[in-house]
Protein backbone atom coordinates (compact mmCIF):
# COMPACT_ATOMS: atom_id res chain seq x y z
CA UNK A 1 4.71 -9.07 12.51
CA UNK A 2 1.36 -9.29 10.76
CA UNK A 3 1.60 -9.97 7.04
CA UNK A 4 -0.90 -9.48 4.24
CA UNK A 5 -0.54 -11.05 0.81
CA UNK A 6 -1.04 -9.03 -2.36
CA UNK A 7 -3.12 -11.34 -4.52
CA UNK A 8 -2.53 -9.40 -7.73
CA UNK A 9 1.24 -9.72 -7.35
CA UNK A 10 1.78 -13.23 -5.98
CA UNK A 11 -1.09 -14.94 -7.79
CA UNK A 12 -1.25 -13.07 -11.08
CA UNK A 13 -4.10 -14.17 -13.32
CA UNK A 14 -5.87 -16.19 -10.62
CA UNK A 15 -9.34 -15.47 -9.31
CA UNK A 16 -9.48 -14.37 -5.65
CA UNK A 17 -11.68 -17.34 -4.84
CA UNK A 18 -8.93 -19.68 -6.12
CA UNK A 19 -5.92 -18.06 -4.46
CA UNK A 20 -7.39 -17.00 -1.10
CA UNK A 21 -7.41 -20.65 0.15
CA UNK A 22 -3.69 -20.78 -0.76
CA UNK A 23 -3.04 -17.71 1.39
CA UNK A 24 -4.77 -19.45 4.28
CA UNK A 25 -2.81 -22.65 3.62
CA UNK A 26 0.43 -20.70 3.89
CA UNK A 27 -0.54 -19.45 7.35
CA UNK A 28 -1.13 -15.83 6.41
CA UNK A 29 -3.91 -13.85 8.15
CA UNK A 30 -4.79 -11.22 5.54
CA UNK A 31 -4.91 -10.26 1.87
CA UNK A 32 -4.65 -7.10 -0.15
CA UNK A 33 -4.97 -6.31 -3.83
CA UNK A 34 -4.68 -3.48 -6.34
CA UNK A 35 -8.07 -3.09 -8.01
CA UNK A 36 -11.49 -3.66 -6.44
CA UNK A 37 -13.72 -2.72 -9.39
CA UNK A 38 -12.93 -5.90 -11.34
CA UNK A 39 -13.75 -8.21 -8.43
CA UNK A 40 -16.95 -9.77 -7.09
CA UNK A 41 -16.98 -8.10 -3.68
CA UNK A 42 -19.92 -10.10 -2.35
CA UNK A 43 -18.21 -13.37 -3.23
CA UNK A 44 -14.94 -12.12 -1.77
CA UNK A 45 -16.68 -11.17 1.48
CA UNK A 46 -18.19 -14.66 1.68
CA UNK A 47 -14.79 -16.28 1.11
CA UNK A 48 -13.12 -14.02 3.66
CA UNK A 49 -15.63 -15.11 6.29
CA UNK A 50 -15.32 -18.80 5.42
CA UNK A 51 -11.50 -18.68 5.52
CA UNK A 52 -11.23 -16.30 8.49
CA UNK A 53 -9.10 -13.85 6.50
CA UNK A 54 -8.96 -10.05 6.71
CA UNK A 55 -8.52 -7.43 3.99
CA UNK A 56 -5.60 -5.22 4.96
CA UNK A 57 -5.88 -2.68 2.15
CA UNK A 58 -6.47 -2.07 -1.55
CA UNK A 59 -6.19 0.81 -4.03
CA UNK A 60 -8.56 3.64 -4.79
CA UNK A 61 -9.43 4.40 -8.38
CA UNK A 62 -6.42 5.68 -10.30
CA UNK A 63 -7.17 9.39 -10.62
CA UNK A 64 -4.53 12.10 -10.32
CA UNK A 65 -4.14 14.22 -7.20
CA UNK A 66 -1.33 16.38 -8.59
CA UNK A 67 -3.66 17.59 -11.37
CA UNK A 68 -6.24 19.76 -9.61
CA UNK A 69 -8.60 19.58 -12.60
CA UNK A 70 -9.07 15.91 -11.66
CA UNK A 71 -9.94 16.48 -8.00
CA UNK A 72 -13.71 16.15 -8.44
CA UNK A 73 -13.23 12.86 -10.27
CA UNK A 74 -10.81 11.78 -7.54
CA UNK A 75 -13.42 12.43 -4.82
CA UNK A 76 -16.00 10.42 -6.74
CA UNK A 77 -13.57 7.50 -6.99
CA UNK A 78 -12.66 7.81 -3.32
CA UNK A 79 -16.29 7.60 -2.25
CA UNK A 80 -16.79 4.52 -4.43
CA UNK A 81 -13.66 2.96 -2.91
CA UNK A 82 -14.87 3.71 0.61
CA UNK A 83 -18.12 1.92 -0.19
CA UNK A 84 -16.12 -1.11 -1.35
CA UNK A 85 -14.04 -0.92 1.83
CA UNK A 86 -17.20 -0.99 3.93
CA UNK A 87 -18.34 -4.17 2.19
CA UNK A 88 -15.02 -5.87 2.91
CA UNK A 89 -14.45 -4.51 6.41
CA UNK A 90 -11.25 -2.76 5.30
CA UNK A 91 -9.91 0.24 7.26
CA UNK A 92 -7.10 1.48 4.99
CA UNK A 93 -6.86 2.46 1.32
CA UNK A 94 -3.85 3.04 -0.93
CA UNK A 95 -3.68 5.93 -3.35
CA UNK A 96 -1.22 6.73 -6.07
CA UNK A 97 -0.85 10.48 -6.64
CA UNK A 98 -0.54 10.58 -10.42
CA UNK A 99 2.03 11.20 -13.13
CA UNK A 100 4.13 14.35 -13.23
CA UNK A 101 2.08 16.91 -15.15
CA UNK A 102 5.00 19.11 -16.18
CA UNK A 103 3.99 21.96 -13.90
CA UNK A 104 6.48 23.09 -11.28
CA UNK A 105 7.16 20.72 -8.38
CA UNK A 106 5.86 23.38 -5.99
CA UNK A 107 2.53 23.65 -7.84
CA UNK A 108 2.03 19.90 -8.07
CA UNK A 109 2.93 19.53 -4.38
CA UNK A 110 0.39 22.22 -3.51
CA UNK A 111 -2.28 20.53 -5.65
CA UNK A 112 -1.60 17.22 -3.90
CA UNK A 113 -1.93 18.76 -0.45
CA UNK A 114 -5.09 20.60 -1.51
CA UNK A 115 -6.68 17.43 -2.83
CA UNK A 116 -5.87 15.44 0.30
CA UNK A 117 -7.20 18.20 2.55
CA UNK A 118 -10.49 17.97 0.66
CA UNK A 119 -10.53 14.22 1.26
CA UNK A 120 -9.70 14.46 4.96
CA UNK A 121 -13.21 15.19 6.36
CA UNK A 122 -14.68 12.32 4.33
CA UNK A 123 -12.01 9.96 5.61
CA UNK A 124 -12.38 11.12 9.20
CA UNK A 125 -16.13 10.53 9.07
CA UNK A 126 -15.64 7.07 7.58
CA UNK A 127 -12.86 6.02 9.97
CA UNK A 128 -10.77 4.83 7.01
CA UNK A 129 -7.13 5.86 6.54
CA UNK A 130 -5.89 6.87 3.09
CA UNK A 131 -2.21 6.27 2.36
CA UNK A 132 -0.21 8.02 -0.35
CA UNK A 133 2.46 5.84 -1.94
CA UNK A 134 5.88 7.00 -3.13
CA UNK A 135 7.14 4.82 -5.99
CA UNK A 136 10.59 4.47 -7.53
CA UNK A 137 11.18 6.24 -10.83
CA UNK A 138 14.39 4.44 -11.76
CA UNK A 139 13.04 0.95 -12.44
CA UNK A 140 9.27 0.62 -12.28
CA UNK A 141 7.38 3.91 -12.48
CA UNK A 142 9.05 6.44 -14.77
CA UNK A 143 7.13 9.71 -14.89
CA UNK A 144 5.33 9.28 -11.58
CA UNK A 145 5.28 12.41 -9.41
CA UNK A 146 6.11 11.19 -5.90
CA UNK A 147 9.30 9.20 -5.27
CA UNK A 148 10.73 10.62 -2.06
CA UNK A 149 9.40 9.41 1.29
CA UNK A 150 10.74 12.66 2.77
CA UNK A 151 8.35 14.65 0.56
CA UNK A 152 5.54 12.22 1.35
CA UNK A 153 6.04 12.76 5.09
CA UNK A 154 6.10 16.53 4.53
CA UNK A 155 2.78 16.25 2.69
CA UNK A 156 1.26 14.36 5.64
CA UNK A 157 2.38 17.15 7.99
CA UNK A 158 0.81 19.78 5.72
CA UNK A 159 -2.49 17.92 5.39
CA UNK A 160 -2.68 17.47 9.17
CA UNK A 161 -5.24 14.67 9.34
CA UNK A 162 -4.83 11.44 11.32
CA UNK A 163 -6.61 9.69 8.44
CA UNK A 164 -3.99 10.57 5.81
CA UNK A 165 -0.68 8.69 6.06
CA UNK A 166 2.11 7.14 3.97
CA UNK A 167 2.44 3.67 2.56
CA UNK A 168 6.16 3.00 3.01
CA UNK A 169 7.19 0.49 0.35
CA UNK A 170 10.55 -0.86 1.47
CA UNK A 171 11.43 -2.07 -2.03
CA UNK A 172 10.66 1.26 -3.71
CA UNK A 173 12.44 3.32 -1.06
CA UNK A 174 15.56 1.15 -1.16
CA UNK A 175 15.84 2.00 -4.85
CA UNK A 176 14.99 5.67 -4.43
CA UNK A 177 16.83 6.72 -1.29
CA UNK A 178 17.96 3.92 1.07
CA UNK A 179 18.51 4.67 4.78
CA UNK A 180 15.42 2.58 5.39
CA UNK A 181 15.56 2.03 9.13
CA UNK A 182 16.38 5.63 10.03
CA UNK A 183 13.58 6.98 7.84
CA UNK A 184 11.11 4.50 9.33
CA UNK A 185 12.19 5.29 12.89
CA UNK A 186 11.89 9.02 12.36
CA UNK A 187 8.43 8.85 10.79
CA UNK A 188 6.65 5.76 12.12
CA UNK A 189 3.69 7.83 13.32
CA UNK A 190 3.05 8.90 9.71
CA UNK A 191 3.21 5.38 8.24
CA UNK A 192 -0.05 3.46 7.84
CA UNK A 193 1.20 0.38 5.99
CA UNK A 194 4.36 -1.23 4.61
CA UNK A 195 5.08 -3.13 1.42
CA UNK A 196 7.98 -5.53 1.01
CA UNK A 197 9.81 -7.19 -1.88
CA UNK A 198 13.38 -8.21 -2.62
CA UNK A 199 15.67 -5.88 -4.55
CA UNK A 200 16.76 -6.17 -7.30
CA UNK A 201 14.02 -7.97 -9.17
CA UNK A 202 11.05 -7.44 -6.84
CA UNK A 203 11.02 -11.12 -5.91
CA UNK A 204 11.04 -13.02 -2.60
CA UNK A 205 12.28 -11.15 0.46
CA UNK A 206 15.28 -13.45 0.92
CA UNK A 207 16.53 -12.66 -2.58
CA UNK A 208 18.55 -9.47 -2.89
CA UNK A 209 20.30 -6.79 -0.92
CA UNK A 210 17.69 -5.75 1.66
CA UNK A 211 18.28 -7.15 5.15
CA UNK A 212 14.62 -7.80 5.92
CA UNK A 213 15.19 -9.43 9.33
CA UNK A 214 16.89 -6.22 10.51
CA UNK A 215 14.24 -3.96 8.96
CA UNK A 216 11.39 -5.98 10.47
CA UNK A 217 13.10 -6.04 13.87
CA UNK A 218 13.33 -2.25 13.79
CA UNK A 219 9.68 -1.89 12.79
CA UNK A 220 8.56 -4.28 15.51
CA UNK A 221 10.62 -2.41 18.13
CA UNK A 222 8.69 0.77 17.28
CA UNK A 223 5.42 -0.88 18.32
CA UNK A 224 3.91 -0.88 14.84
CA UNK A 225 0.57 -2.73 14.95
CA UNK A 226 -0.42 -2.71 11.28
CA UNK A 227 0.23 -5.10 8.42
CA UNK A 228 3.29 -5.54 6.24
CA UNK A 229 2.08 -6.25 2.74
CA UNK A 230 3.97 -8.88 0.75
CA UNK A 231 3.92 -7.42 -2.75
CA UNK A 232 6.45 -9.35 -4.78
CA UNK A 233 6.58 -11.48 -7.91
CA UNK A 234 7.58 -14.99 -6.83
CA UNK A 235 10.24 -16.95 -8.68
CA UNK A 236 9.17 -20.21 -7.06
CA UNK A 237 5.99 -21.72 -5.67
CA UNK A 238 4.16 -18.82 -3.96
CA UNK A 239 2.72 -20.97 -1.18
CA UNK A 240 6.15 -22.34 -0.27
CA UNK A 241 7.60 -18.84 -0.19
CA UNK A 242 4.79 -17.49 1.97
CA UNK A 243 5.05 -20.45 4.32
CA UNK A 244 8.74 -19.67 4.90
CA UNK A 245 7.87 -16.10 5.85
CA UNK A 246 5.01 -17.20 8.11
CA UNK A 247 7.30 -19.61 9.97
CA UNK A 248 10.06 -17.05 10.40
């Protein structure tokens, strides 16, 4: 298993230059984060090199894909995010799809597929993979459009690009639908990245109902070569918690 540490979750309020050495101290090989536009990318690149850390992924600008009137703005934000990815040597990007607009599910689904199809040639030329992220509506993201991983996988099939995949967040999908291992096994070729947190509470992986050793064993058996992003809010010392995961 290769893990990446979400700086914005585990080290809230800290500058990347202050928390990246802590990630290295914990024995983790990579970082990820939510927003790139509020960070000094040149400084981050320098720190990454000095610490021998990689950037696994980060988010694009938060522009709706289910609202087709926003597609031009989305493409502008995507191109800016791809430029940031090039600076940091990052090969995957996360995208949210936007809040439910009130239009029919079929129309919003079609808008989402249309927007991603427009992105596909840009992504294929860049060699960067864009990952749509289902989020749970019950606890954390009321009003968001995409909750079901089944619909997300259907969208990937309809877009038909190797550079458009799903971010499978184990925490979110446990809340939304469960049956984690079977869904992962049936769709591993469409998954570009994982996120992990304990449920309930979104804390350390060993707190809560999810049997992470079993889930990780199943993912590893499928030959998955990407990162699993640790995106949780620690209840204890974050370095100690990360060190436990690294040693396991």
